[in-house]
Amino acid sequence: MAFTESTNIDKIEVVETGHIQVREATKIERDGVEIAKTYHRWSFTPGSDVSSMPANVQAIAAAAWTPEVIAAYQAQQAQQAAKLSAE
């Protein structure tokens, strides 16, 4: 009876606000048959440091996070901060 464990990024999504959501799946198999699977998730705001993530995540961030997307996110954050401080 042989157990194996594998981990891979199985989902990368870019949502409307420019945030990137990453899902990593860890699969346990016994004799080639999956017996368990767990997920770990991360999300990154536009302009975040993704240098510790795999190359495919970095490539998607580089493509999705144009200067316009980053500026729009920063403007939205500044607007929310101003609204909160006014309350």
PDB file of N, CA and C in Angstrom:
ATOM      1  N   MET A   1       0.855  -1.164   0.000  1.00  0.00           N
ATOM      2  CA  MET A   1       0.000   0.000   0.000  1.00  0.00           C
ATOM      3  C   MET A   1       0.907   1.234   0.000  1.00  0.00           C
ATOM      4  N   ALA A   2       0.840   1.998  -1.092  1.00  0.00           N
ATOM      5  CA  ALA A   2       1.687   3.183  -1.232  1.00  0.00           C
ATOM      6  C   ALA A   2       0.845   4.448  -1.176  1.00  0.00           C
ATOM      7  N   PHE A   3       1.272   5.366  -0.321  1.00  0.00           N
ATOM      8  CA  PHE A   3       0.618   6.663  -0.223  1.00  0.00           C
ATOM      9  C   PHE A   3       1.463   7.697  -0.939  1.00  0.00           C
ATOM     10  N   THR A   4       0.811   8.604  -1.673  1.00  0.00           N
ATOM     11  CA  THR A   4       1.504   9.715  -2.305  1.00  0.00           C
ATOM     12  C   THR A   4       0.748  11.001  -2.023  1.00  0.00           C
ATOM     13  N   GLU A   5       1.490  12.078  -1.961  1.00  0.00           N
ATOM     14  CA  GLU A   5       0.890  13.393  -1.747  1.00  0.00           C
ATOM     15  C   GLU A   5       1.400  14.319  -2.834  1.00  0.00           C
ATOM     16  N   SER A   6       0.495  15.068  -3.447  1.00  0.00           N
ATOM     17  CA  SER A   6       0.891  16.042  -4.458  1.00  0.00           C
ATOM     18  C   SER A   6       0.188  17.365  -4.192  1.00  0.00           C
ATOM     19  N   THR A   7       0.876  18.432  -4.505  1.00  0.00           N
ATOM     20  CA  THR A   7       0.346  19.768  -4.308  1.00  0.00           C
ATOM     21  C   THR A   7       0.509  20.547  -5.599  1.00  0.00           C
ATOM     22  N   ASN A   8      -0.553  21.229  -6.019  1.00  0.00           N
ATOM     23  CA  ASN A   8      -0.455  22.074  -7.204  1.00  0.00           C
ATOM     24  C   ASN A   8      -1.474  23.203  -7.149  1.00  0.00           C
ATOM     25  N   ILE A   9      -1.153  24.276  -7.851  1.00  0.00           N
ATOM     26  CA  ILE A   9      -2.085  25.397  -7.999  1.00  0.00           C
ATOM     27  C   ILE A   9      -3.088  24.951  -9.056  1.00  0.00           C
ATOM     28  N   ASP A  10      -4.346  24.809  -8.655  1.00  0.00           N
ATOM     29  CA  ASP A  10      -5.335  24.297  -9.603  1.00  0.00           C
ATOM     30  C   ASP A  10      -6.333  25.348 -10.060  1.00  0.00           C
ATOM     31  N   LYS A  11      -6.270  26.553  -9.476  1.00  0.00           N
ATOM     32  CA  LYS A  11      -7.191  27.601  -9.913  1.00  0.00           C
ATOM     33  C   LYS A  11      -6.567  28.964  -9.664  1.00  0.00           C
ATOM     34  N   ILE A  12      -6.629  29.820 -10.686  1.00  0.00           N
ATOM     35  CA  ILE A  12      -6.200  31.212 -10.572  1.00  0.00           C
ATOM     36  C   ILE A  12      -7.298  32.048 -11.207  1.00  0.00           C
ATOM     37  N   GLU A  13      -7.851  32.973 -10.434  1.00  0.00           N
ATOM     38  CA  GLU A  13      -8.932  33.814 -10.940  1.00  0.00           C
ATOM     39  C   GLU A  13      -8.573  35.281 -10.763  1.00  0.00           C
ATOM     40  N   VAL A  14      -8.958  36.083 -11.742  1.00  0.00           N
ATOM     41  CA  VAL A  14      -8.861  37.533 -11.624  1.00  0.00           C
ATOM     42  C   VAL A  14     -10.290  38.051 -11.589  1.00  0.00           C
ATOM     43  N   VAL A  15     -10.645  38.738 -10.509  1.00  0.00           N
ATOM     44  CA  VAL A  15     -12.003  39.247 -10.373  1.00  0.00           C
ATOM     45  C   VAL A  15     -12.068  40.692 -10.857  1.00  0.00           C
ATOM     46  N   GLU A  16     -13.280  41.206 -10.952  1.00  0.00           N
ATOM     47  CA  GLU A  16     -13.537  42.522 -11.546  1.00  0.00           C
ATOM     48  C   GLU A  16     -12.683  43.638 -10.948  1.00  0.00           C
ATOM     49  N   THR A  17     -12.425  43.589  -9.652  1.00  0.00           N
ATOM     50  CA  THR A  17     -11.651  44.641  -8.987  1.00  0.00           C
ATOM     51  C   THR A  17     -10.149  44.522  -9.235  1.00  0.00           C
ATOM     52  N   GLY A  18      -9.729  43.459  -9.912  1.00  0.00           N
ATOM     53  CA  GLY A  18      -8.310  43.234 -10.167  1.00  0.00           C
ATOM     54  C   GLY A  18      -7.658  42.306  -9.167  1.00  0.00           C
ATOM     55  N   HIS A  19      -8.374  41.943  -8.114  1.00  0.00           N
ATOM     56  CA  HIS A  19      -7.824  40.992  -7.143  1.00  0.00           C
ATOM     57  C   HIS A  19      -7.572  39.645  -7.838  1.00  0.00           C
ATOM     58  N   ILE A  20      -6.501  38.990  -7.417  1.00  0.00           N
ATOM     59  CA  ILE A  20      -6.204  37.652  -7.923  1.00  0.00           C
ATOM     60  C   ILE A  20      -6.435  36.670  -6.793  1.00  0.00           C
ATOM     61  N   GLN A  21      -7.206  35.624  -7.090  1.00  0.00           N
ATOM     62  CA  GLN A  21      -7.488  34.570  -6.125  1.00  0.00           C
ATOM     63  C   GLN A  21      -6.805  33.290  -6.609  1.00  0.00           C
ATOM     64  N   VAL A  22      -6.060  32.677  -5.701  1.00  0.00           N
ATOM     65  CA  VAL A  22      -5.274  31.483  -6.033  1.00  0.00           C
ATOM     66  C   VAL A  22      -5.716  30.341  -5.116  1.00  0.00           C
ATOM     67  N   ARG A  23      -5.917  29.170  -5.716  1.00  0.00           N
ATOM     68  CA  ARG A  23      -6.262  27.995  -4.919  1.00  0.00           C
ATOM     69  C   ARG A  23      -5.215  26.916  -5.169  1.00  0.00           C
ATOM     70  N   GLU A  24      -4.697  26.368  -4.069  1.00  0.00           N
ATOM     71  CA  GLU A  24      -3.735  25.269  -4.122  1.00  0.00           C
ATOM     72  C   GLU A  24      -4.418  24.015  -3.591  1.00  0.00           C
ATOM     73  N   ALA A  25      -4.348  22.933  -4.344  1.00  0.00           N
ATOM     74  CA  ALA A  25      -4.946  21.662  -3.929  1.00  0.00           C
ATOM     75  C   ALA A  25      -3.842  20.701  -3.482  1.00  0.00           C
ATOM     76  N   THR A  26      -4.071  20.057  -2.358  1.00  0.00           N
ATOM     77  CA  THR A  26      -3.181  18.995  -1.878  1.00  0.00           C
ATOM     78  C   THR A  26      -3.978  17.707  -1.924  1.00  0.00           C
ATOM     79  N   LYS A  27      -3.458  16.752  -2.686  1.00  0.00           N
ATOM     80  CA  LYS A  27      -4.173  15.499  -2.901  1.00  0.00           C
ATOM     81  C   LYS A  27      -3.372  14.346  -2.302  1.00  0.00           C
ATOM     82  N   ILE A  28      -4.061  13.478  -1.579  1.00  0.00           N
ATOM     83  CA  ILE A  28      -3.472  12.262  -1.013  1.00  0.00           C
ATOM     84  C   ILE A  28      -4.049  11.074  -1.786  1.00  0.00           C
ATOM     85  N   GLU A  29      -3.165  10.212  -2.247  1.00  0.00           N
ATOM     86  CA  GLU A  29      -3.599   9.007  -2.973  1.00  0.00           C
ATOM     87  C   GLU A  29      -3.035   7.766  -2.299  1.00  0.00           C
ATOM     88  N   ARG A  30      -3.831   6.697  -2.353  1.00  0.00           N
ATOM     89  CA  ARG A  30      -3.373   5.384  -1.890  1.00  0.00           C
ATOM     90  C   ARG A  30      -3.473   4.463  -3.086  1.00  0.00           C
ATOM     91  N   ASP A  31      -2.343   3.953  -3.513  1.00  0.00           N
ATOM     92  CA  ASP A  31      -2.270   3.055  -4.677  1.00  0.00           C
ATOM     93  C   ASP A  31      -2.937   3.676  -5.908  1.00  0.00           C
ATOM     94  N   GLY A  32      -2.702   4.998  -6.095  1.00  0.00           N
ATOM     95  CA  GLY A  32      -3.224   5.684  -7.273  1.00  0.00           C
ATOM     96  C   GLY A  32      -4.667   6.135  -7.179  1.00  0.00           C
ATOM     97  N   VAL A  33      -5.329   5.889  -6.049  1.00  0.00           N
ATOM     98  CA  VAL A  33      -6.725   6.286  -5.868  1.00  0.00           C
ATOM     99  C   VAL A  33      -6.783   7.438  -4.863  1.00  0.00           C
ATOM    100  N   GLU A  34      -7.404   8.553  -5.265  1.00  0.00           N
ATOM    101  CA  GLU A  34      -7.515   9.712  -4.383  1.00  0.00           C
ATOM    102  C   GLU A  34      -8.368   9.367  -3.167  1.00  0.00           C
ATOM    103  N   ILE A  35      -7.803   9.620  -1.981  1.00  0.00           N
ATOM    104  CA  ILE A  35      -8.555   9.355  -0.751  1.00  0.00           C
ATOM    105  C   ILE A  35      -8.820  10.632   0.040  1.00  0.00           C
ATOM    106  N   ALA A  36      -8.131  11.715  -0.303  1.00  0.00           N
ATOM    107  CA  ALA A  36      -8.371  12.986   0.389  1.00  0.00           C
ATOM    108  C   ALA A  36      -7.854  14.137  -0.458  1.00  0.00           C
ATOM    109  N   LYS A  37      -8.515  15.283  -0.304  1.00  0.00           N
ATOM    110  CA  LYS A  37      -8.066  16.498  -0.984  1.00  0.00           C
ATOM    111  C   LYS A  37      -8.399  17.679  -0.094  1.00  0.00           C
ATOM    112  N   THR A  38      -7.428  18.576   0.066  1.00  0.00           N
ATOM    113  CA  THR A  38      -7.648  19.796   0.825  1.00  0.00           C
ATOM    114  C   THR A  38      -7.223  20.984  -0.032  1.00  0.00           C
ATOM    115  N   TYR A  39      -7.726  22.158   0.343  1.00  0.00           N
ATOM    116  CA  TYR A  39      -7.426  23.375  -0.410  1.00  0.00           C
ATOM    117  C   TYR A  39      -6.877  24.443   0.518  1.00  0.00           C
ATOM    118  N   HIS A  40      -5.983  25.243  -0.038  1.00  0.00           N
ATOM    119  CA  HIS A  40      -5.477  26.435   0.634  1.00  0.00           C
ATOM    120  C   HIS A  40      -5.653  27.575  -0.360  1.00  0.00           C
ATOM    121  N   ARG A  41      -6.112  28.714   0.110  1.00  0.00           N
ATOM    122  CA  ARG A  41      -6.402  29.834  -0.792  1.00  0.00           C
ATOM    123  C   ARG A  41      -5.654  31.091  -0.357  1.00  0.00           C
ATOM    124  N   TRP A  42      -5.306  31.896  -1.364  1.00  0.00           N
ATOM    125  CA  TRP A  42      -4.720  33.209  -1.149  1.00  0.00           C
ATOM    126  C   TRP A  42      -5.453  34.190  -2.040  1.00  0.00           C
ATOM    127  N   SER A  43      -5.440  35.446  -1.647  1.00  0.00           N
ATOM    128  CA  SER A  43      -5.903  36.488  -2.555  1.00  0.00           C
ATOM    129  C   SER A  43      -4.903  37.639  -2.478  1.00  0.00           C
ATOM    130  N   PHE A  44      -4.750  38.305  -3.600  1.00  0.00           N
ATOM    131  CA  PHE A  44      -3.775  39.387  -3.717  1.00  0.00           C
ATOM    132  C   PHE A  44      -4.443  40.617  -4.303  1.00  0.00           C
ATOM    133  N   THR A  45      -4.176  41.762  -3.702  1.00  0.00           N
ATOM    134  CA  THR A  45      -4.704  43.013  -4.222  1.00  0.00           C
ATOM    135  C   THR A  45      -3.810  43.502  -5.360  1.00  0.00           C
ATOM    136  N   PRO A  46      -4.360  44.305  -6.259  1.00  0.00           N
ATOM    137  CA  PRO A  46      -3.554  44.812  -7.373  1.00  0.00           C
ATOM    138  C   PRO A  46      -2.281  45.505  -6.874  1.00  0.00           C
ATOM    139  N   GLY A  47      -1.155  45.098  -7.442  1.00  0.00           N
ATOM    140  CA  GLY A  47       0.133  45.663  -7.077  1.00  0.00           C
ATOM    141  C   GLY A  47       0.846  44.948  -5.947  1.00  0.00           C
ATOM    142  N   SER A  48       0.234  43.906  -5.390  1.00  0.00           N
ATOM    143  CA  SER A  48       0.859  43.153  -4.291  1.00  0.00           C
ATOM    144  C   SER A  48       2.126  42.442  -4.771  1.00  0.00           C
ATOM    145  N   ASP A  49       2.962  42.079  -3.810  1.00  0.00           N
ATOM    146  CA  ASP A  49       4.172  41.307  -4.098  1.00  0.00           C
ATOM    147  C   ASP A  49       3.789  39.835  -4.234  1.00  0.00           C
ATOM    148  N   VAL A  50       3.910  39.295  -5.431  1.00  0.00           N
ATOM    149  CA  VAL A  50       3.623  37.878  -5.662  1.00  0.00           C
ATOM    150  C   VAL A  50       4.896  37.106  -6.023  1.00  0.00           C
ATOM    151  N   SER A  51       6.047  37.673  -5.673  1.00  0.00           N
ATOM    152  CA  SER A  51       7.324  37.056  -6.058  1.00  0.00           C
ATOM    153  C   SER A  51       7.539  35.685  -5.421  1.00  0.00           C
ATOM    154  N   SER A  52       6.861  35.377  -4.330  1.00  0.00           N
ATOM    155  CA  SER A  52       7.017  34.067  -3.698  1.00  0.00           C
ATOM    156  C   SER A  52       6.083  33.016  -4.302  1.00  0.00           C
ATOM    157  N   MET A  53       5.200  33.433  -5.179  1.00  0.00           N
ATOM    158  CA  MET A  53       4.251  32.513  -5.808  1.00  0.00           C
ATOM    159  C   MET A  53       4.877  31.895  -7.060  1.00  0.00           C
ATOM    160  N   PRO A  54       4.312  30.788  -7.552  1.00  0.00           N
ATOM    161  CA  PRO A  54       4.837  30.153  -8.766  1.00  0.00           C
ATOM    162  C   PRO A  54       4.779  31.087  -9.982  1.00  0.00           C
ATOM    163  N   ALA A  55       5.542  30.753 -10.995  1.00  0.00           N
ATOM    164  CA  ALA A  55       5.675  31.587 -12.193  1.00  0.00           C
ATOM    165  C   ALA A  55       4.336  31.854 -12.879  1.00  0.00           C
ATOM    166  N   ASN A  56       3.419  30.873 -12.878  1.00  0.00           N
ATOM    167  CA  ASN A  56       2.139  31.097 -13.557  1.00  0.00           C
ATOM    168  C   ASN A  56       1.304  32.168 -12.853  1.00  0.00           C
ATOM    169  N   VAL A  57       1.375  32.233 -11.540  1.00  0.00           N
ATOM    170  CA  VAL A  57       0.662  33.271 -10.791  1.00  0.00           C
ATOM    171  C   VAL A  57       1.310  34.631 -11.066  1.00  0.00           C
ATOM    172  N   GLN A  58       2.630  34.673 -11.081  1.00  0.00           N
ATOM    173  CA  GLN A  58       3.343  35.912 -11.358  1.00  0.00           C
ATOM    174  C   GLN A  58       3.016  36.428 -12.760  1.00  0.00           C
ATOM    175  N   ALA A  59       2.930  35.530 -13.731  1.00  0.00           N
ATOM    176  CA  ALA A  59       2.623  35.932 -15.108  1.00  0.00           C
ATOM    177  C   ALA A  59       1.216  36.514 -15.216  1.00  0.00           C
ATOM    178  N   ILE A  60       0.266  35.903 -14.528  1.00  0.00           N
ATOM    179  CA  ILE A  60      -1.108  36.414 -14.569  1.00  0.00           C
ATOM    180  C   ILE A  60      -1.179  37.776 -13.888  1.00  0.00           C
ATOM    181  N   ALA A  61      -0.485  37.931 -12.772  1.00  0.00           N
ATOM    182  CA  ALA A  61      -0.458  39.233 -12.095  1.00  0.00           C
ATOM    183  C   ALA A  61       0.151  40.293 -13.006  1.00  0.00           C
ATOM    184  N   ALA A  62       1.225  39.964 -13.690  1.00  0.00           N
ATOM    185  CA  ALA A  62       1.870  40.928 -14.581  1.00  0.00           C
ATOM    186  C   ALA A  62       0.934  41.341 -15.716  1.00  0.00           C
ATOM    187  N   ALA A  63       0.144  40.412 -16.199  1.00  0.00           N
ATOM    188  CA  ALA A  63      -0.790  40.723 -17.297  1.00  0.00           C
ATOM    189  C   ALA A  63      -2.020  41.475 -16.802  1.00  0.00           C
ATOM    190  N   ALA A  64      -2.529  41.104 -15.645  1.00  0.00           N
ATOM    191  CA  ALA A  64      -3.785  41.689 -15.146  1.00  0.00           C
ATOM    192  C   ALA A  64      -3.589  43.050 -14.492  1.00  0.00           C
ATOM    193  N   TRP A  65      -2.451  43.231 -13.837  1.00  0.00           N
ATOM    194  CA  TRP A  65      -2.246  44.458 -13.071  1.00  0.00           C
ATOM    195  C   TRP A  65      -1.575  45.534 -13.905  1.00  0.00           C
ATOM    196  N   THR A  66      -2.327  46.090 -14.802  1.00  0.00           N
ATOM    197  CA  THR A  66      -1.836  47.213 -15.604  1.00  0.00           C
ATOM    198  C   THR A  66      -1.742  48.434 -14.687  1.00  0.00           C
ATOM    199  N   PRO A  67      -0.999  49.454 -15.097  1.00  0.00           N
ATOM    200  CA  PRO A  67      -0.950  50.676 -14.281  1.00  0.00           C
ATOM    201  C   PRO A  67      -2.346  51.247 -14.012  1.00  0.00           C
ATOM    202  N   GLU A  68      -3.259  51.119 -14.965  1.00  0.00           N
ATOM    203  CA  GLU A  68      -4.617  51.622 -14.792  1.00  0.00           C
ATOM    204  C   GLU A  68      -5.370  50.837 -13.716  1.00  0.00           C
ATOM    205  N   VAL A  69      -5.208  49.535 -13.699  1.00  0.00           N
ATOM    206  CA  VAL A  69      -5.884  48.696 -12.693  1.00  0.00           C
ATOM    207  C   VAL A  69      -5.354  49.026 -11.301  1.00  0.00           C
ATOM    208  N   ILE A  70      -4.050  49.163 -11.174  1.00  0.00           N
ATOM    209  CA  ILE A  70      -3.453  49.487  -9.876  1.00  0.00           C
ATOM    210  C   ILE A  70      -3.912  50.873  -9.413  1.00  0.00           C
ATOM    211  N   ALA A  71      -3.921  51.849 -10.321  1.00  0.00           N
ATOM    212  CA  ALA A  71      -4.357  53.203  -9.966  1.00  0.00           C
ATOM    213  C   ALA A  71      -5.827  53.219  -9.550  1.00  0.00           C
ATOM    214  N   ALA A  72      -6.663  52.476 -10.244  1.00  0.00           N
ATOM    215  CA  ALA A  72      -8.090  52.416  -9.886  1.00  0.00           C
ATOM    216  C   ALA A  72      -8.265  51.792  -8.510  1.00  0.00           C
ATOM    217  N   TYR A  73      -7.509  50.759  -8.207  1.00  0.00           N
ATOM    218  CA  TYR A  73      -7.601  50.124  -6.889  1.00  0.00           C
ATOM    219  C   TYR A  73      -7.149  51.097  -5.800  1.00  0.00           C
ATOM    220  N   GLN A  74      -6.025  51.778  -6.028  1.00  0.00           N
ATOM    221  CA  GLN A  74      -5.527  52.726  -5.040  1.00  0.00           C
ATOM    222  C   GLN A  74      -6.513  53.880  -4.824  1.00  0.00           C
ATOM    223  N   ALA A  75      -7.136  54.356  -5.893  1.00  0.00           N
ATOM    224  CA  ALA A  75      -8.121  55.431  -5.782  1.00  0.00           C
ATOM    225  C   ALA A  75      -9.336  54.963  -4.978  1.00  0.00           C
ATOM    226  N   GLN A  76      -9.760  53.734  -5.216  1.00  0.00           N
ATOM    227  CA  GLN A  76     -10.901  53.187  -4.480  1.00  0.00           C
ATOM    228  C   GLN A  76     -10.558  53.043  -3.001  1.00  0.00           C
ATOM    229  N   GLN A  77      -9.342  52.629  -2.682  1.00  0.00           N
ATOM    230  CA  GLN A  77      -8.914  52.504  -1.290  1.00  0.00           C
ATOM    231  C   GLN A  77      -8.858  53.870  -0.616  1.00  0.00           C
ATOM    232  N   ALA A  78      -8.357  54.880  -1.326  1.00  0.00           N
ATOM    233  CA  ALA A  78      -8.285  56.237  -0.773  1.00  0.00           C
ATOM    234  C   ALA A  78      -9.688  56.785  -0.529  1.00  0.00           C
ATOM    235  N   GLN A  79     -10.600  56.492  -1.427  1.00  0.00           N
ATOM    236  CA  GLN A  79     -11.982  56.948  -1.274  1.00  0.00           C
ATOM    237  C   GLN A  79     -12.627  56.307  -0.038  1.00  0.00           C
ATOM    238  N   GLN A  80     -12.395  55.024   0.148  1.00  0.00           N
ATOM    239  CA  GLN A  80     -12.947  54.343   1.322  1.00  0.00           C
ATOM    240  C   GLN A  80     -12.326  54.882   2.618  1.00  0.00           C
ATOM    241  N   ALA A  81     -11.033  55.158   2.598  1.00  0.00           N
ATOM    242  CA  ALA A  81     -10.369  55.690   3.795  1.00  0.00           C
ATOM    243  C   ALA A  81     -10.916  57.068   4.134  1.00  0.00           C
ATOM    244  N   ALA A  82     -11.134  57.893   3.120  1.00  0.00           N
ATOM    245  CA  ALA A  82     -11.681  59.228   3.351  1.00  0.00           C
ATOM    246  C   ALA A  82     -13.099  59.140   3.920  1.00  0.00           C
ATOM    247  N   LYS A  83     -13.873  58.227   3.396  1.00  0.00           N
ATOM    248  CA  LYS A  83     -15.240  58.053   3.888  1.00  0.00           C
ATOM    249  C   LYS A  83     -15.243  57.608   5.355  1.00  0.00           C
ATOM    250  N   LEU A  84     -14.367  56.685   5.710  1.00  0.00           N
ATOM    251  CA  LEU A  84     -14.301  56.202   7.091  1.00  0.00           C
ATOM    252  C   LEU A  84     -13.827  57.287   8.055  1.00  0.00           C
ATOM    253  N   SER A  85     -12.864  58.086   7.621  1.00  0.00           N
ATOM    254  CA  SER A  85     -12.363  59.139   8.509  1.00  0.00           C
ATOM    255  C   SER A  85     -13.376  60.261   8.693  1.00  0.00           C
ATOM    256  N   ALA A  86     -14.292  60.423   7.728  1.00  0.00           N
ATOM    257  CA  ALA A  86     -15.326  61.449   7.826  1.00  0.00           C
ATOM    258  C   ALA A  86     -16.454  61.033   8.765  1.00  0.00           C
ATOM    259  N   GLU A  87     -16.561  59.760   9.030  1.00  0.00           N
ATOM    260  CA  GLU A  87     -17.656  59.270   9.891  1.00  0.00           C
ATOM    261  C   GLU A  87     -17.355  59.453  11.344  1.00  0.00           C
TER     262      GLU A  87
END
